[in-house]
Amino acid sequence: MALELTDANFQTEVLESDKLTVIDFWAEWCGPCRAIGPVIEELSKEYDGTVKIGKVNVDNNPQVSMNYGITSIPAILFVKNGEVVDKLVGAQPKANFVKKIEAHK
């Protein structure tokens, strides 16, 4: 299951991690966010142990969202060694996520 990332645990779970972390910025009311939810869950199972996959609810965690300039959701950031190495915005097919993960892991 995708990790729940929050303003409180983002530093330790993402920025201090040595693994690639894929972060889905989403909200309950966002249709495209709900559409990619199952894809995010699939990826979290497939890459369990090698890549961290997490979700940030933008309504509940405004600080992290603001820090990364998230203005459109879903926004998916790929973070490695504390730096954003790639980004996807909007609902995407699973293949796009896999391509980015494989390029950076």
C-alpha atoms as a PDB file:
ATOM      1  CA  MET A   1       0.000   0.000   0.000  1.00  0.00           C
ATOM      2  CA  ALA A   2       1.204   3.509  -0.792  1.00  0.00           C
ATOM      3  CA  LEU A   3       2.774   5.314   2.127  1.00  0.00           C
ATOM      4  CA  GLU A   4       0.791   8.219   3.578  1.00  0.00           C
ATOM      5  CA  LEU A   5       3.115  11.203   3.459  1.00  0.00           C
ATOM      6  CA  THR A   6       2.403  14.261   5.597  1.00  0.00           C
ATOM      7  CA  ASP A   7       3.941  17.608   6.490  1.00  0.00           C
ATOM      8  CA  ALA A   8       5.215  15.859   9.644  1.00  0.00           C
ATOM      9  CA  ASN A   9       6.905  12.774   8.112  1.00  0.00           C
ATOM     10  CA  PHE A  10       8.011  14.134   4.707  1.00  0.00           C
ATOM     11  CA  GLN A  11      11.542  15.022   5.856  1.00  0.00           C
ATOM     12  CA  THR A  12      12.355  11.528   7.164  1.00  0.00           C
ATOM     13  CA  GLU A  13      10.353   9.456   4.680  1.00  0.00           C
ATOM     14  CA  VAL A  14      11.334  11.325   1.506  1.00  0.00           C
ATOM     15  CA  LEU A  15      14.182  13.811   1.887  1.00  0.00           C
ATOM     16  CA  GLU A  16      16.373  11.565   4.058  1.00  0.00           C
ATOM     17  CA  SER A  17      15.637   8.393   2.067  1.00  0.00           C
ATOM     18  CA  ASP A  18      18.301   6.903  -0.197  1.00  0.00           C
ATOM     19  CA  LYS A  19      15.613   5.302  -2.390  1.00  0.00           C
ATOM     20  CA  LEU A  20      13.730   6.877  -5.253  1.00  0.00           C
ATOM     21  CA  THR A  21      10.420   8.145  -3.866  1.00  0.00           C
ATOM     22  CA  VAL A  22       7.370   8.641  -6.081  1.00  0.00           C
ATOM     23  CA  ILE A  23       4.932  11.112  -4.519  1.00  0.00           C
ATOM     24  CA  ASP A  24       1.351  11.473  -5.685  1.00  0.00           C
ATOM     25  CA  PHE A  25      -0.088  14.866  -4.666  1.00  0.00           C
ATOM     26  CA  TRP A  26      -3.871  14.377  -4.640  1.00  0.00           C
ATOM     27  CA  ALA A  27      -7.209  15.343  -3.039  1.00  0.00           C
ATOM     28  CA  GLU A  28     -10.478  13.518  -2.312  1.00  0.00           C
ATOM     29  CA  TRP A  29     -12.501  15.820  -4.583  1.00  0.00           C
ATOM     30  CA  CYS A  30     -10.184  15.434  -7.596  1.00  0.00           C
ATOM     31  CA  GLY A  31     -11.574  13.056 -10.255  1.00  0.00           C
ATOM     32  CA  PRO A  32      -8.282  12.466 -12.128  1.00  0.00           C
ATOM     33  CA  CYS A  33      -6.587  11.842  -8.753  1.00  0.00           C
ATOM     34  CA  ARG A  34      -9.075   9.085  -7.988  1.00  0.00           C
ATOM     35  CA  ALA A  35      -8.562   7.688 -11.499  1.00  0.00           C
ATOM     36  CA  ILE A  36      -4.810   7.149 -10.961  1.00  0.00           C
ATOM     37  CA  GLY A  37      -5.210   5.946  -7.357  1.00  0.00           C
ATOM     38  CA  PRO A  38      -5.306   2.249  -8.364  1.00  0.00           C
ATOM     39  CA  VAL A  39      -2.205   2.707 -10.552  1.00  0.00           C
ATOM     40  CA  ILE A  40      -0.311   4.217  -7.604  1.00  0.00           C
ATOM     41  CA  GLU A  41      -1.360   1.258  -5.428  1.00  0.00           C
ATOM     42  CA  GLU A  42      -0.233  -1.242  -8.108  1.00  0.00           C
ATOM     43  CA  LEU A  43       3.141   0.464  -8.381  1.00  0.00           C
ATOM     44  CA  SER A  44       3.572   0.416  -4.606  1.00  0.00           C
ATOM     45  CA  LYS A  45       3.137  -3.383  -4.651  1.00  0.00           C
ATOM     46  CA  GLU A  46       5.327  -3.958  -7.721  1.00  0.00           C
ATOM     47  CA  TYR A  47       8.206  -1.818  -6.453  1.00  0.00           C
ATOM     48  CA  ASP A  48       7.873  -2.740  -2.768  1.00  0.00           C
ATOM     49  CA  GLY A  49      11.320  -2.665  -1.168  1.00  0.00           C
ATOM     50  CA  THR A  50      13.064  -0.947  -4.086  1.00  0.00           C
ATOM     51  CA  VAL A  51      11.141   2.310  -4.610  1.00  0.00           C
ATOM     52  CA  LYS A  52       9.048   4.231  -2.069  1.00  0.00           C
ATOM     53  CA  ILE A  53       5.613   5.166  -3.351  1.00  0.00           C
ATOM     54  CA  GLY A  54       3.597   7.649  -1.323  1.00  0.00           C
ATOM     55  CA  LYS A  55       0.631   9.979  -1.428  1.00  0.00           C
ATOM     56  CA  VAL A  56       0.245  13.513  -0.066  1.00  0.00           C
ATOM     57  CA  ASN A  57      -3.290  14.785   0.487  1.00  0.00           C
ATOM     58  CA  VAL A  58      -2.892  18.449  -0.501  1.00  0.00           C
ATOM     59  CA  ASP A  59      -5.864  19.546   1.613  1.00  0.00           C
ATOM     60  CA  ASN A  60      -4.369  18.068   4.798  1.00  0.00           C
ATOM     61  CA  ASN A  61      -0.703  18.888   4.100  1.00  0.00           C
ATOM     62  CA  PRO A  62      -0.470  22.425   2.725  1.00  0.00           C
ATOM     63  CA  GLN A  63       3.179  22.944   3.737  1.00  0.00           C
ATOM     64  CA  VAL A  64       4.683  20.179   1.570  1.00  0.00           C
ATOM     65  CA  SER A  65       2.394  21.120  -1.321  1.00  0.00           C
ATOM     66  CA  MET A  66       3.449  24.772  -1.057  1.00  0.00           C
ATOM     67  CA  ASN A  67       7.161  23.880  -0.777  1.00  0.00           C
ATOM     68  CA  TYR A  68       6.988  22.086  -4.126  1.00  0.00           C
ATOM     69  CA  GLY A  69       4.771  24.638  -5.860  1.00  0.00           C
ATOM     70  CA  ILE A  70       1.947  22.183  -6.460  1.00  0.00           C
ATOM     71  CA  THR A  71      -0.785  24.113  -8.279  1.00  0.00           C
ATOM     72  CA  SER A  72      -2.385  21.336 -10.357  1.00  0.00           C
ATOM     73  CA  ILE A  73      -3.271  17.859  -9.184  1.00  0.00           C
ATOM     74  CA  PRO A  74      -2.661  15.070  -9.605  1.00  0.00           C
ATOM     75  CA  ALA A  75       1.019  15.984  -9.605  1.00  0.00           C
ATOM     76  CA  ILE A  76       3.547  13.190  -9.253  1.00  0.00           C
ATOM     77  CA  LEU A  77       7.081  14.053  -8.167  1.00  0.00           C
ATOM     78  CA  PHE A  78      10.030  11.693  -8.406  1.00  0.00           C
ATOM     79  CA  VAL A  79      12.501  12.505  -5.612  1.00  0.00           C
ATOM     80  CA  LYS A  80      15.935  10.966  -5.162  1.00  0.00           C
ATOM     81  CA  ASN A  81      18.523  12.001  -2.563  1.00  0.00           C
ATOM     82  CA  GLY A  82      16.282  14.903  -1.518  1.00  0.00           C
ATOM     83  CA  GLU A  83      16.069  16.375  -5.035  1.00  0.00           C
ATOM     84  CA  VAL A  84      13.167  16.343  -7.509  1.00  0.00           C
ATOM     85  CA  VAL A  85      14.496  14.413 -10.516  1.00  0.00           C
ATOM     86  CA  ASP A  86      11.278  14.222 -12.547  1.00  0.00           C
ATOM     87  CA  LYS A  87       7.601  15.169 -12.551  1.00  0.00           C
ATOM     88  CA  LEU A  88       4.293  14.175 -14.143  1.00  0.00           C
ATOM     89  CA  VAL A  89       1.135  16.304 -14.002  1.00  0.00           C
ATOM     90  CA  GLY A  90      -2.356  15.028 -14.690  1.00  0.00           C
ATOM     91  CA  ALA A  91      -3.748  11.523 -15.045  1.00  0.00           C
ATOM     92  CA  GLN A  92      -1.269   9.331 -16.916  1.00  0.00           C
ATOM     93  CA  PRO A  93      -1.151   5.736 -18.119  1.00  0.00           C
ATOM     94  CA  LYS A  94       0.788   3.314 -15.921  1.00  0.00           C
ATOM     95  CA  ALA A  95       3.503   2.934 -18.577  1.00  0.00           C
ATOM     96  CA  ASN A  96       4.523   6.590 -18.097  1.00  0.00           C
ATOM     97  CA  PHE A  97       5.104   6.035 -14.376  1.00  0.00           C
ATOM     98  CA  VAL A  98       7.070   2.833 -15.018  1.00  0.00           C
ATOM     99  CA  LYS A  99       9.286   4.571 -17.589  1.00  0.00           C
ATOM    100  CA  LYS A 100      10.169   7.373 -15.158  1.00  0.00           C
ATOM    101  CA  ILE A 101      10.738   4.963 -12.234  1.00  0.00           C
ATOM    102  CA  GLU A 102      13.042   2.754 -14.311  1.00  0.00           C
ATOM    103  CA  ALA A 103      14.997   5.789 -15.512  1.00  0.00           C
ATOM    104  CA  HIS A 104      15.724   7.030 -11.976  1.00  0.00           C
ATOM    105  CA  LYS A 105      15.758   4.078  -9.562  1.00  0.00           C
END
